[in-house]
């Protein structure tokens, strides 16, 4: 789970250093996939008994909020890349 969580931030950071918005978006999509992987590990950890209900809900809520922010940022960058489609 830690690797997937670190991968979210790492892909955002790496993408920000790319030359084009299209390249940046590709890394943002990868970050989104890594975030979904984190959500899977959160659910798996609960099913396996590593997390109680409270911890599971707290972590899932944080991941969900992060996903909302990331998706909004992706939409913003997509509009920046394609202003005619906005």
N, C-alpha and C. Protein backbone atom coordinates (compact mmCIF):
# COMPACT_ATOMS: atom_id res chain seq x y z
N UNK A 1 0.84 -1.19 0.00
CA UNK A 1 0.00 0.00 0.00
C UNK A 1 0.88 1.25 0.00
N UNK A 2 1.98 1.22 0.74
CA UNK A 2 2.86 2.39 0.80
C UNK A 2 3.44 2.72 -0.58
N UNK A 3 3.85 1.69 -1.31
CA UNK A 3 4.42 1.93 -2.64
C UNK A 3 3.40 2.57 -3.56
N UNK A 4 2.17 2.10 -3.52
CA UNK A 4 1.12 2.67 -4.37
C UNK A 4 0.85 4.12 -3.99
N UNK A 5 0.82 4.40 -2.69
CA UNK A 5 0.57 5.77 -2.23
C UNK A 5 1.70 6.70 -2.65
N UNK A 6 2.92 6.25 -2.51
CA UNK A 6 4.07 7.05 -2.94
C UNK A 6 4.04 7.26 -4.44
N UNK A 7 3.60 6.25 -5.16
CA UNK A 7 3.53 6.33 -6.62
C UNK A 7 2.58 7.43 -7.09
N UNK A 8 1.51 7.68 -6.35
CA UNK A 8 0.57 8.76 -6.71
C UNK A 8 1.33 10.08 -6.77
N UNK A 9 1.98 10.44 -5.68
CA UNK A 9 2.70 11.71 -5.61
C UNK A 9 3.88 11.73 -6.58
N UNK A 10 4.58 10.62 -6.71
CA UNK A 10 5.75 10.56 -7.58
C UNK A 10 5.37 10.79 -9.04
N UNK A 11 4.26 10.22 -9.46
CA UNK A 11 3.83 10.40 -10.85
C UNK A 11 3.37 11.83 -11.11
N UNK A 12 2.72 12.44 -10.15
CA UNK A 12 2.33 13.85 -10.30
C UNK A 12 3.59 14.71 -10.42
N UNK A 13 4.56 14.46 -9.56
CA UNK A 13 5.80 15.23 -9.58
C UNK A 13 6.56 15.01 -10.89
N UNK A 14 6.68 13.77 -11.29
CA UNK A 14 7.41 13.48 -12.53
C UNK A 14 6.72 14.11 -13.74
N UNK A 15 5.41 14.00 -13.77
CA UNK A 15 4.66 14.58 -14.89
C UNK A 15 4.80 16.08 -14.97
N UNK A 16 4.91 16.73 -13.82
CA UNK A 16 5.02 18.19 -13.83
C UNK A 16 6.32 18.67 -14.46
N UNK A 17 7.29 17.80 -14.54
CA UNK A 17 8.56 18.15 -15.15
C UNK A 17 8.63 17.85 -16.63
N UNK A 18 7.56 17.36 -17.19
CA UNK A 18 7.54 17.03 -18.63
C UNK A 18 7.31 18.28 -19.47
N UNK A 19 7.64 18.18 -20.73
CA UNK A 19 7.60 19.35 -21.62
C UNK A 19 6.19 19.73 -22.06
N UNK A 20 5.31 18.76 -22.21
CA UNK A 20 3.98 19.08 -22.75
C UNK A 20 2.89 18.73 -21.76
N UNK A 21 1.75 19.36 -21.95
CA UNK A 21 0.58 19.04 -21.12
C UNK A 21 0.15 17.60 -21.35
N UNK A 22 0.26 17.14 -22.60
CA UNK A 22 -0.12 15.75 -22.91
C UNK A 22 0.72 14.76 -22.10
N UNK A 23 2.02 15.03 -22.00
CA UNK A 23 2.88 14.16 -21.18
C UNK A 23 2.49 14.24 -19.71
N UNK A 24 2.22 15.46 -19.24
CA UNK A 24 1.79 15.65 -17.86
C UNK A 24 0.52 14.86 -17.59
N UNK A 25 -0.44 14.95 -18.51
CA UNK A 25 -1.70 14.22 -18.35
C UNK A 25 -1.48 12.72 -18.27
N UNK A 26 -0.56 12.21 -19.07
CA UNK A 26 -0.29 10.77 -19.04
C UNK A 26 0.14 10.36 -17.63
N UNK A 27 1.00 11.16 -17.00
CA UNK A 27 1.44 10.84 -15.64
C UNK A 27 0.31 11.04 -14.62
N UNK A 28 -0.56 12.01 -14.87
CA UNK A 28 -1.71 12.19 -13.97
C UNK A 28 -2.64 10.99 -14.04
N UNK A 29 -2.84 10.43 -15.23
CA UNK A 29 -3.66 9.23 -15.37
C UNK A 29 -3.03 8.05 -14.65
N UNK A 30 -1.71 7.94 -14.73
CA UNK A 30 -1.00 6.88 -14.01
C UNK A 30 -1.18 7.07 -12.50
N UNK A 31 -1.09 8.32 -12.04
CA UNK A 31 -1.30 8.62 -10.62
C UNK A 31 -2.71 8.22 -10.19
N UNK A 32 -3.69 8.48 -11.06
CA UNK A 32 -5.07 8.10 -10.76
C UNK A 32 -5.19 6.58 -10.61
N UNK A 33 -4.52 5.84 -11.48
CA UNK A 33 -4.52 4.38 -11.37
C UNK A 33 -3.88 3.91 -10.08
N UNK A 34 -2.79 4.56 -9.69
CA UNK A 34 -2.13 4.21 -8.43
C UNK A 34 -3.03 4.50 -7.24
N UNK A 35 -3.79 5.57 -7.33
CA UNK A 35 -4.72 5.90 -6.25
C UNK A 35 -5.81 4.84 -6.14
N UNK A 36 -6.28 4.34 -7.27
CA UNK A 36 -7.27 3.25 -7.23
C UNK A 36 -6.67 2.01 -6.60
N UNK A 37 -5.38 1.79 -6.86
CA UNK A 37 -4.68 0.66 -6.24
C UNK A 37 -4.64 0.84 -4.72
N UNK A 38 -4.40 2.05 -4.25
CA UNK A 38 -4.41 2.34 -2.81
C UNK A 38 -5.78 2.01 -2.23
N UNK A 39 -6.85 2.42 -2.92
CA UNK A 39 -8.20 2.13 -2.44
C UNK A 39 -8.43 0.62 -2.33
N UNK A 40 -7.94 -0.13 -3.30
CA UNK A 40 -8.05 -1.59 -3.25
C UNK A 40 -7.35 -2.13 -2.01
N UNK A 41 -6.13 -1.66 -1.75
CA UNK A 41 -5.37 -2.13 -0.59
C UNK A 41 -6.05 -1.75 0.72
N UNK A 42 -6.71 -0.62 0.75
CA UNK A 42 -7.45 -0.22 1.96
C UNK A 42 -8.57 -1.24 2.22
N UNK A 43 -9.33 -1.56 1.17
CA UNK A 43 -10.41 -2.54 1.33
C UNK A 43 -9.86 -3.93 1.68
N UNK A 44 -8.79 -4.32 1.02
CA UNK A 44 -8.19 -5.62 1.30
C UNK A 44 -7.70 -5.70 2.74
N UNK A 45 -7.09 -4.63 3.22
CA UNK A 45 -6.59 -4.61 4.60
C UNK A 45 -7.71 -4.78 5.61
N UNK A 46 -8.87 -4.20 5.32
CA UNK A 46 -10.01 -4.39 6.21
C UNK A 46 -10.50 -5.83 6.17
N UNK A 47 -10.63 -6.37 4.94
CA UNK A 47 -11.11 -7.75 4.81
C UNK A 47 -10.18 -8.75 5.51
N UNK A 48 -8.88 -8.45 5.49
CA UNK A 48 -7.92 -9.35 6.12
C UNK A 48 -7.75 -9.10 7.62
N UNK A 49 -8.44 -8.07 8.14
CA UNK A 49 -8.42 -7.80 9.56
C UNK A 49 -7.29 -6.89 10.03
N UNK A 50 -6.60 -6.25 9.09
CA UNK A 50 -5.51 -5.34 9.47
C UNK A 50 -6.04 -3.97 9.87
N UNK A 51 -7.23 -3.63 9.43
CA UNK A 51 -7.85 -2.34 9.76
C UNK A 51 -9.20 -2.58 10.42
N UNK A 52 -9.50 -1.79 11.46
CA UNK A 52 -10.84 -1.84 12.01
C UNK A 52 -11.74 -0.93 11.17
N UNK A 53 -13.01 -0.94 11.47
CA UNK A 53 -13.98 -0.18 10.67
C UNK A 53 -13.67 1.32 10.66
N UNK A 54 -13.29 1.86 11.80
CA UNK A 54 -13.00 3.30 11.90
C UNK A 54 -11.79 3.68 11.06
N UNK A 55 -10.72 2.93 11.18
CA UNK A 55 -9.50 3.22 10.41
C UNK A 55 -9.76 3.05 8.91
N UNK A 56 -10.50 2.01 8.57
CA UNK A 56 -10.84 1.78 7.16
C UNK A 56 -11.60 2.97 6.59
N UNK A 57 -12.60 3.43 7.31
CA UNK A 57 -13.43 4.54 6.82
C UNK A 57 -12.60 5.82 6.70
N UNK A 58 -11.75 6.07 7.68
CA UNK A 58 -10.90 7.27 7.65
C UNK A 58 -9.97 7.25 6.45
N UNK A 59 -9.31 6.12 6.23
CA UNK A 59 -8.39 6.01 5.09
C UNK A 59 -9.14 6.09 3.76
N UNK A 60 -10.28 5.41 3.68
CA UNK A 60 -11.04 5.45 2.44
C UNK A 60 -11.54 6.86 2.16
N UNK A 61 -11.99 7.57 3.18
CA UNK A 61 -12.45 8.95 2.98
C UNK A 61 -11.31 9.85 2.48
N UNK A 62 -10.11 9.65 3.02
CA UNK A 62 -8.96 10.43 2.57
C UNK A 62 -8.62 10.10 1.11
N UNK A 63 -8.66 8.84 0.77
CA UNK A 63 -8.37 8.44 -0.61
C UNK A 63 -9.44 8.98 -1.56
N UNK A 64 -10.69 8.95 -1.12
CA UNK A 64 -11.79 9.46 -1.95
C UNK A 64 -11.64 10.96 -2.18
N UNK A 65 -11.30 11.69 -1.14
CA UNK A 65 -11.10 13.14 -1.28
C UNK A 65 -9.92 13.44 -2.20
N UNK A 66 -8.86 12.67 -2.06
CA UNK A 66 -7.70 12.83 -2.94
C UNK A 66 -8.08 12.56 -4.39
N UNK A 67 -8.90 11.53 -4.61
CA UNK A 67 -9.34 11.20 -5.96
C UNK A 67 -10.16 12.34 -6.57
N UNK A 68 -11.03 12.94 -5.78
CA UNK A 68 -11.84 14.05 -6.28
C UNK A 68 -10.95 15.22 -6.71
N UNK A 69 -9.96 15.52 -5.89
CA UNK A 69 -9.04 16.62 -6.21
C UNK A 69 -8.23 16.29 -7.47
N UNK A 70 -7.74 15.07 -7.54
CA UNK A 70 -6.94 14.66 -8.69
C UNK A 70 -7.76 14.68 -9.97
N UNK A 71 -8.98 14.18 -9.93
CA UNK A 71 -9.84 14.18 -11.12
C UNK A 71 -10.15 15.61 -11.56
N UNK A 72 -10.39 16.49 -10.61
CA UNK A 72 -10.64 17.89 -10.94
C UNK A 72 -9.41 18.52 -11.60
N UNK A 73 -8.24 18.20 -11.09
CA UNK A 73 -7.01 18.73 -11.67
C UNK A 73 -6.80 18.17 -13.08
N UNK A 74 -7.09 16.89 -13.27
CA UNK A 74 -6.97 16.28 -14.60
C UNK A 74 -7.91 16.99 -15.58
N UNK A 75 -9.13 17.24 -15.17
CA UNK A 75 -10.09 17.95 -16.04
C UNK A 75 -9.57 19.34 -16.40
N UNK A 76 -9.01 20.04 -15.41
CA UNK A 76 -8.46 21.36 -15.65
C UNK A 76 -7.35 21.30 -16.70
N UNK A 77 -6.44 20.34 -16.53
CA UNK A 77 -5.33 20.21 -17.48
C UNK A 77 -5.83 19.77 -18.86
N UNK A 78 -6.86 18.94 -18.91
CA UNK A 78 -7.43 18.55 -20.20
C UNK A 78 -8.01 19.76 -20.93
N UNK A 79 -8.68 20.62 -20.18
CA UNK A 79 -9.22 21.85 -20.79
C UNK A 79 -8.10 22.77 -21.23
N UNK A 80 -7.04 22.82 -20.48
CA UNK A 80 -5.89 23.64 -20.85
C UNK A 80 -5.27 23.10 -22.15
N UNK A 81 -5.25 21.78 -22.28
CA UNK A 81 -4.66 21.15 -23.47
C UNK A 81 -5.57 21.30 -24.69
N UNK A 82 -6.87 21.36 -24.47
CA UNK A 82 -7.85 21.43 -25.56
C UNK A 82 -8.87 22.53 -25.27
N UNK A 83 -8.48 23.79 -25.36
CA UNK A 83 -9.40 24.89 -25.01
C UNK A 83 -10.64 24.96 -25.91
N UNK A 84 -10.55 24.46 -27.11
CA UNK A 84 -11.70 24.50 -28.02
C UNK A 84 -12.80 23.53 -27.60
N UNK A 85 -12.48 22.52 -26.82
CA UNK A 85 -13.46 21.51 -26.39
C UNK A 85 -14.14 21.89 -25.09
N UNK A 86 -13.72 22.97 -24.47
CA UNK A 86 -14.29 23.39 -23.18
C UNK A 86 -15.66 23.99 -23.33
